[in-house]
Amino acid sequence: MLTELGKFLRKLRIDANLYLKDMAESLGVTSAFLSAVENGNRKMPESWKECLPKKFNLNDDARNDFFDAVEKSSKEVSISLEDVSEKNRDLAISFARTFPNLDEQTVDRIQRLLNKGKI
């Protein structure tokens, strides 16, 4: 399945008139690996967050689009529980456990609460 990151990378490659092989070489990976990242089958190397915008001279808008695509394509999120209160740690763990089963209405309520900054 093509991810937001995959769409971004493919568009970047096409706009730069690069073959998959050429873009892969510039990123230090194989064509198969780049293709797998584009198709959402492999995780993008963390080093690309810094090197890709530089290698392809992304302007501020494109750089923001890239980082948005990376976030939207992420299949997992990690948070540090270091230096947080026990209460916050318990909340994070409880949320992680119940997250997959939240109904749409609850998700909407939580999102509104977070967006309003009423925490």
N, C-alpha and C. Protein backbone atom coordinates (compact mmCIF):
# COMPACT_ATOMS: atom_id res chain seq x y z
N MET A 1 0.84 -1.18 0.00
CA MET A 1 0.00 0.00 0.00
C MET A 1 0.89 1.25 0.00
N LEU A 2 0.65 2.12 -0.92
CA LEU A 2 1.42 3.34 -1.02
C LEU A 2 1.07 4.26 0.13
N THR A 3 2.07 4.68 0.88
CA THR A 3 1.87 5.56 2.03
C THR A 3 2.02 7.01 1.61
N GLU A 4 1.70 7.92 2.53
CA GLU A 4 1.91 9.35 2.26
C GLU A 4 3.39 9.60 1.97
N LEU A 5 4.25 8.94 2.73
CA LEU A 5 5.69 9.08 2.49
C LEU A 5 6.04 8.54 1.11
N GLY A 6 5.48 7.39 0.77
CA GLY A 6 5.74 6.80 -0.54
C GLY A 6 5.31 7.72 -1.67
N LYS A 7 4.14 8.33 -1.52
CA LYS A 7 3.66 9.28 -2.53
C LYS A 7 4.61 10.46 -2.65
N PHE A 8 5.05 10.97 -1.47
CA PHE A 8 5.96 12.10 -1.48
C PHE A 8 7.26 11.73 -2.20
N LEU A 9 7.85 10.59 -1.83
CA LEU A 9 9.12 10.17 -2.43
C LEU A 9 8.99 9.94 -3.93
N ARG A 10 7.91 9.29 -4.33
CA ARG A 10 7.71 9.01 -5.75
C ARG A 10 7.54 10.31 -6.53
N LYS A 11 6.77 11.25 -6.00
CA LYS A 11 6.59 12.54 -6.68
C LYS A 11 7.91 13.30 -6.75
N LEU A 12 8.66 13.28 -5.66
CA LEU A 12 9.97 13.94 -5.64
C LEU A 12 10.87 13.35 -6.72
N ARG A 13 10.88 12.05 -6.81
CA ARG A 13 11.72 11.34 -7.79
C ARG A 13 11.30 11.67 -9.21
N ILE A 14 9.99 11.66 -9.45
CA ILE A 14 9.49 11.95 -10.80
C ILE A 14 9.76 13.40 -11.17
N ASP A 15 9.50 14.32 -10.23
CA ASP A 15 9.73 15.74 -10.50
C ASP A 15 11.21 16.03 -10.77
N ALA A 16 12.09 15.23 -10.17
CA ALA A 16 13.53 15.43 -10.38
C ALA A 16 14.04 14.63 -11.58
N ASN A 17 13.12 13.98 -12.30
CA ASN A 17 13.48 13.15 -13.46
C ASN A 17 14.51 12.08 -13.11
N LEU A 18 14.30 11.43 -11.97
CA LEU A 18 15.21 10.38 -11.53
C LEU A 18 14.55 9.02 -11.65
N TYR A 19 15.34 8.05 -12.04
CA TYR A 19 14.88 6.67 -11.97
C TYR A 19 14.98 6.22 -10.52
N LEU A 20 14.24 5.18 -10.19
CA LEU A 20 14.29 4.62 -8.85
C LEU A 20 15.73 4.30 -8.46
N LYS A 21 16.46 3.70 -9.39
CA LYS A 21 17.86 3.33 -9.17
C LYS A 21 18.72 4.55 -8.81
N ASP A 22 18.50 5.65 -9.50
CA ASP A 22 19.31 6.86 -9.28
C ASP A 22 19.02 7.47 -7.91
N MET A 23 17.74 7.54 -7.55
CA MET A 23 17.39 8.10 -6.25
C MET A 23 17.91 7.19 -5.13
N ALA A 24 17.78 5.90 -5.33
CA ALA A 24 18.26 4.94 -4.33
C ALA A 24 19.76 5.10 -4.12
N GLU A 25 20.50 5.20 -5.20
CA GLU A 25 21.95 5.38 -5.08
C GLU A 25 22.30 6.65 -4.32
N SER A 26 21.57 7.73 -4.59
CA SER A 26 21.86 8.99 -3.91
C SER A 26 21.56 8.92 -2.41
N LEU A 27 20.67 7.99 -2.04
CA LEU A 27 20.33 7.81 -0.62
C LEU A 27 21.12 6.67 0.02
N GLY A 28 21.95 6.01 -0.77
CA GLY A 28 22.80 4.95 -0.24
C GLY A 28 22.08 3.65 0.05
N VAL A 29 21.01 3.37 -0.73
CA VAL A 29 20.26 2.13 -0.55
C VAL A 29 20.04 1.48 -1.92
N THR A 30 19.50 0.28 -1.90
CA THR A 30 19.19 -0.40 -3.16
C THR A 30 17.85 0.08 -3.71
N SER A 31 17.64 -0.17 -4.98
CA SER A 31 16.36 0.16 -5.61
C SER A 31 15.23 -0.60 -4.92
N ALA A 32 15.49 -1.85 -4.57
CA ALA A 32 14.47 -2.67 -3.91
C ALA A 32 14.09 -2.07 -2.56
N PHE A 33 15.08 -1.57 -1.82
CA PHE A 33 14.79 -0.98 -0.52
C PHE A 33 13.96 0.29 -0.67
N LEU A 34 14.36 1.16 -1.59
CA LEU A 34 13.61 2.40 -1.82
C LEU A 34 12.19 2.09 -2.26
N SER A 35 12.03 1.12 -3.14
CA SER A 35 10.71 0.72 -3.58
C SER A 35 9.87 0.22 -2.40
N ALA A 36 10.48 -0.54 -1.51
CA ALA A 36 9.78 -1.05 -0.33
C ALA A 36 9.36 0.08 0.60
N VAL A 37 10.19 1.11 0.72
CA VAL A 37 9.83 2.27 1.54
C VAL A 37 8.67 3.00 0.88
N GLU A 38 8.75 3.21 -0.43
CA GLU A 38 7.67 3.89 -1.15
C GLU A 38 6.35 3.15 -0.99
N ASN A 39 6.41 1.82 -0.97
CA ASN A 39 5.19 1.01 -0.90
C ASN A 39 4.75 0.70 0.53
N GLY A 40 5.47 1.24 1.50
CA GLY A 40 5.07 1.06 2.89
C GLY A 40 5.46 -0.28 3.48
N ASN A 41 6.34 -1.00 2.81
CA ASN A 41 6.75 -2.32 3.29
C ASN A 41 8.01 -2.28 4.14
N ARG A 42 8.72 -1.17 4.10
CA ARG A 42 9.92 -0.99 4.91
C ARG A 42 9.85 0.38 5.56
N LYS A 43 10.47 0.47 6.72
CA LYS A 43 10.51 1.74 7.44
C LYS A 43 11.64 2.61 6.87
N MET A 44 11.35 3.88 6.75
CA MET A 44 12.35 4.82 6.26
C MET A 44 13.48 4.93 7.29
N PRO A 45 14.73 4.90 6.84
CA PRO A 45 15.83 5.09 7.79
C PRO A 45 15.74 6.46 8.46
N GLU A 46 16.02 6.51 9.72
CA GLU A 46 15.95 7.75 10.49
C GLU A 46 16.87 8.82 9.89
N SER A 47 17.99 8.40 9.32
CA SER A 47 18.96 9.34 8.74
C SER A 47 18.38 10.14 7.58
N TRP A 48 17.33 9.63 6.94
CA TRP A 48 16.74 10.34 5.82
C TRP A 48 16.07 11.64 6.24
N LYS A 49 15.65 11.72 7.50
CA LYS A 49 14.99 12.95 7.97
C LYS A 49 15.92 14.15 7.81
N GLU A 50 17.20 13.91 7.95
CA GLU A 50 18.15 15.01 7.82
C GLU A 50 18.74 15.09 6.41
N CYS A 51 19.09 13.95 5.84
CA CYS A 51 19.81 13.99 4.56
C CYS A 51 18.92 14.24 3.35
N LEU A 52 17.70 13.71 3.34
CA LEU A 52 16.86 13.84 2.16
C LEU A 52 16.53 15.30 1.81
N PRO A 53 16.10 16.12 2.78
CA PRO A 53 15.83 17.52 2.43
C PRO A 53 17.06 18.25 1.88
N LYS A 54 18.22 17.90 2.38
CA LYS A 54 19.46 18.54 1.90
C LYS A 54 19.83 18.05 0.51
N LYS A 55 19.80 16.73 0.31
CA LYS A 55 20.18 16.15 -0.98
C LYS A 55 19.31 16.64 -2.13
N PHE A 56 18.04 16.88 -1.82
CA PHE A 56 17.10 17.28 -2.87
C PHE A 56 16.70 18.75 -2.78
N ASN A 57 17.46 19.52 -1.99
CA ASN A 57 17.26 20.96 -1.87
C ASN A 57 15.79 21.33 -1.68
N LEU A 58 15.14 20.70 -0.71
CA LEU A 58 13.73 20.97 -0.47
C LEU A 58 13.55 22.36 0.13
N ASN A 59 12.61 23.12 -0.43
CA ASN A 59 12.29 24.42 0.16
C ASN A 59 11.48 24.18 1.43
N ASP A 60 11.14 25.25 2.13
CA ASP A 60 10.45 25.11 3.42
C ASP A 60 9.13 24.36 3.29
N ASP A 61 8.36 24.68 2.26
CA ASP A 61 7.06 24.01 2.07
C ASP A 61 7.25 22.52 1.80
N ALA A 62 8.18 22.19 0.93
CA ALA A 62 8.43 20.78 0.61
C ALA A 62 9.00 20.04 1.83
N ARG A 63 9.84 20.71 2.57
CA ARG A 63 10.40 20.12 3.79
C ARG A 63 9.27 19.80 4.78
N ASN A 64 8.34 20.74 4.95
CA ASN A 64 7.20 20.52 5.83
C ASN A 64 6.32 19.38 5.31
N ASP A 65 6.11 19.34 4.00
CA ASP A 65 5.33 18.25 3.40
C ASP A 65 6.00 16.90 3.66
N PHE A 66 7.33 16.89 3.56
CA PHE A 66 8.09 15.66 3.81
C PHE A 66 7.89 15.19 5.25
N PHE A 67 8.07 16.10 6.21
CA PHE A 67 7.92 15.71 7.61
C PHE A 67 6.49 15.30 7.94
N ASP A 68 5.51 15.96 7.33
CA ASP A 68 4.11 15.56 7.51
C ASP A 68 3.88 14.15 6.97
N ALA A 69 4.44 13.87 5.81
CA ALA A 69 4.29 12.55 5.20
C ALA A 69 4.94 11.47 6.06
N VAL A 70 6.09 11.80 6.64
CA VAL A 70 6.77 10.84 7.52
C VAL A 70 5.87 10.52 8.71
N GLU A 71 5.31 11.55 9.32
CA GLU A 71 4.44 11.34 10.48
C GLU A 71 3.19 10.54 10.12
N LYS A 72 2.56 10.89 9.01
CA LYS A 72 1.33 10.21 8.61
C LYS A 72 1.57 8.75 8.23
N SER A 73 2.78 8.44 7.82
CA SER A 73 3.10 7.09 7.38
C SER A 73 3.63 6.20 8.50
N SER A 74 3.85 6.79 9.64
CA SER A 74 4.40 6.03 10.75
C SER A 74 3.40 4.98 11.23
N LYS A 75 3.90 3.78 11.45
CA LYS A 75 3.05 2.69 11.93
C LYS A 75 3.15 2.53 13.44
N GLU A 76 4.03 3.28 14.04
CA GLU A 76 4.15 3.22 15.49
C GLU A 76 4.63 4.55 16.01
N VAL A 77 4.29 4.81 17.26
CA VAL A 77 4.68 6.04 17.93
C VAL A 77 5.31 5.65 19.26
N SER A 78 6.40 6.29 19.59
CA SER A 78 6.99 6.02 20.90
C SER A 78 7.06 7.33 21.67
N ILE A 79 6.87 7.21 22.95
CA ILE A 79 6.99 8.37 23.82
C ILE A 79 7.91 8.00 24.97
N SER A 80 8.64 8.94 25.43
CA SER A 80 9.53 8.71 26.55
C SER A 80 8.74 8.85 27.85
N LEU A 81 8.89 7.87 28.71
CA LEU A 81 8.26 7.93 30.02
C LEU A 81 9.28 8.32 31.09
N GLU A 82 10.43 8.70 30.61
CA GLU A 82 11.48 9.15 31.52
C GLU A 82 11.11 10.53 32.06
N ASP A 83 11.32 10.72 33.33
CA ASP A 83 11.08 12.01 33.98
C ASP A 83 9.61 12.45 33.94
N VAL A 84 8.68 11.50 33.91
CA VAL A 84 7.26 11.85 34.01
C VAL A 84 6.72 11.26 35.31
N SER A 85 5.67 11.86 35.78
CA SER A 85 5.08 11.39 37.04
C SER A 85 4.50 9.99 36.86
N GLU A 86 4.31 9.32 37.97
CA GLU A 86 3.71 7.98 37.92
C GLU A 86 2.30 8.05 37.35
N LYS A 87 1.60 9.12 37.67
CA LYS A 87 0.24 9.31 37.18
C LYS A 87 0.24 9.44 35.64
N ASN A 88 1.17 10.22 35.11
CA ASN A 88 1.26 10.38 33.65
C ASN A 88 1.69 9.07 32.99
N ARG A 89 2.59 8.35 33.62
CA ARG A 89 3.05 7.06 33.10
C ARG A 89 1.86 6.09 33.02
N ASP A 90 1.07 6.04 34.09
CA ASP A 90 -0.11 5.16 34.11
C ASP A 90 -1.10 5.55 33.02
N LEU A 91 -1.29 6.85 32.83
CA LEU A 91 -2.20 7.32 31.78
C LEU A 91 -1.70 6.88 30.40
N ALA A 92 -0.42 7.05 30.14
CA ALA A 92 0.14 6.68 28.84
C ALA A 92 -0.03 5.19 28.58
N ILE A 93 0.23 4.38 29.59
CA ILE A 93 0.11 2.94 29.43
C ILE A 93 -1.35 2.53 29.24
N SER A 94 -2.25 3.14 30.02
CA SER A 94 -3.68 2.85 29.86
C SER A 94 -4.17 3.23 28.47
N PHE A 95 -3.73 4.39 27.99
CA PHE A 95 -4.14 4.84 26.66
C PHE A 95 -3.63 3.88 25.59
N ALA A 96 -2.37 3.46 25.72
CA ALA A 96 -1.80 2.53 24.74
C ALA A 96 -2.57 1.22 24.70
N ARG A 97 -3.00 0.76 25.87
CA ARG A 97 -3.75 -0.51 25.93
C ARG A 97 -5.14 -0.39 25.30
N THR A 98 -5.80 0.74 25.50
CA THR A 98 -7.18 0.88 25.03
C THR A 98 -7.29 1.50 23.63
N PHE A 99 -6.22 2.10 23.16
CA PHE A 99 -6.22 2.82 21.89
C PHE A 99 -6.83 2.03 20.72
N PRO A 100 -6.43 0.78 20.51
CA PRO A 100 -6.96 0.06 19.35
C PRO A 100 -8.48 -0.14 19.38
N ASN A 101 -9.08 -0.03 20.56
CA ASN A 101 -10.52 -0.31 20.67
C ASN A 101 -11.37 0.95 20.84
N LEU A 102 -10.80 2.12 20.70
CA LEU A 102 -11.57 3.35 20.86
C LEU A 102 -12.55 3.52 19.71
N ASP A 103 -13.78 3.87 20.03
CA ASP A 103 -14.76 4.11 18.98
C ASP A 103 -14.55 5.52 18.42
N GLU A 104 -15.16 5.77 17.28
CA GLU A 104 -14.95 7.03 16.57
C GLU A 104 -15.38 8.24 17.40
N GLN A 105 -16.47 8.12 18.12
CA GLN A 105 -16.97 9.23 18.94
C GLN A 105 -15.96 9.57 20.05
N THR A 106 -15.39 8.57 20.68
CA THR A 106 -14.40 8.80 21.73
C THR A 106 -13.14 9.43 21.15
N VAL A 107 -12.72 8.94 20.01
CA VAL A 107 -11.54 9.52 19.34
C VAL A 107 -11.78 10.99 19.05
N ASP A 108 -12.95 11.33 18.53
CA ASP A 108 -13.28 12.72 18.23
C ASP A 108 -13.25 13.58 19.50
N ARG A 109 -13.79 13.05 20.59
CA ARG A 109 -13.80 13.80 21.86
C ARG A 109 -12.38 14.03 22.37
N ILE A 110 -11.56 13.00 22.32
CA ILE A 110 -10.17 13.14 22.77
C ILE A 110 -9.44 14.14 21.89
N GLN A 111 -9.65 14.06 20.57
CA GLN A 111 -8.96 14.97 19.65
C GLN A 111 -9.37 16.42 19.91
N ARG A 112 -10.66 16.65 20.15
CA ARG A 112 -11.12 18.02 20.46
C ARG A 112 -10.47 18.52 21.75
N LEU A 113 -10.43 17.66 22.74
CA LEU A 113 -9.81 18.02 24.01
C LEU A 113 -8.33 18.37 23.83
N LEU A 114 -7.62 17.57 23.08
CA LEU A 114 -6.19 17.84 22.85
C LEU A 114 -5.97 19.09 22.03
N ASN A 115 -6.82 19.32 21.03
CA ASN A 115 -6.67 20.50 20.18
C ASN A 115 -6.97 21.79 20.92
N LYS A 116 -7.83 21.72 21.92
CA LYS A 116 -8.16 22.92 22.69
C LYS A 116 -7.11 23.21 23.76
N GLY A 117 -6.24 22.27 23.99
CA GLY A 117 -5.19 22.48 24.98
C GLY A 117 -5.72 22.56 26.41
N LYS A 118 -6.81 21.88 26.69
CA LYS A 118 -7.42 21.94 28.01
C LYS A 118 -6.88 20.84 28.91
N ILE A 119 -5.69 20.45 28.67
CA ILE A 119 -5.13 19.37 29.49
C ILE A 119 -4.38 19.97 30.66
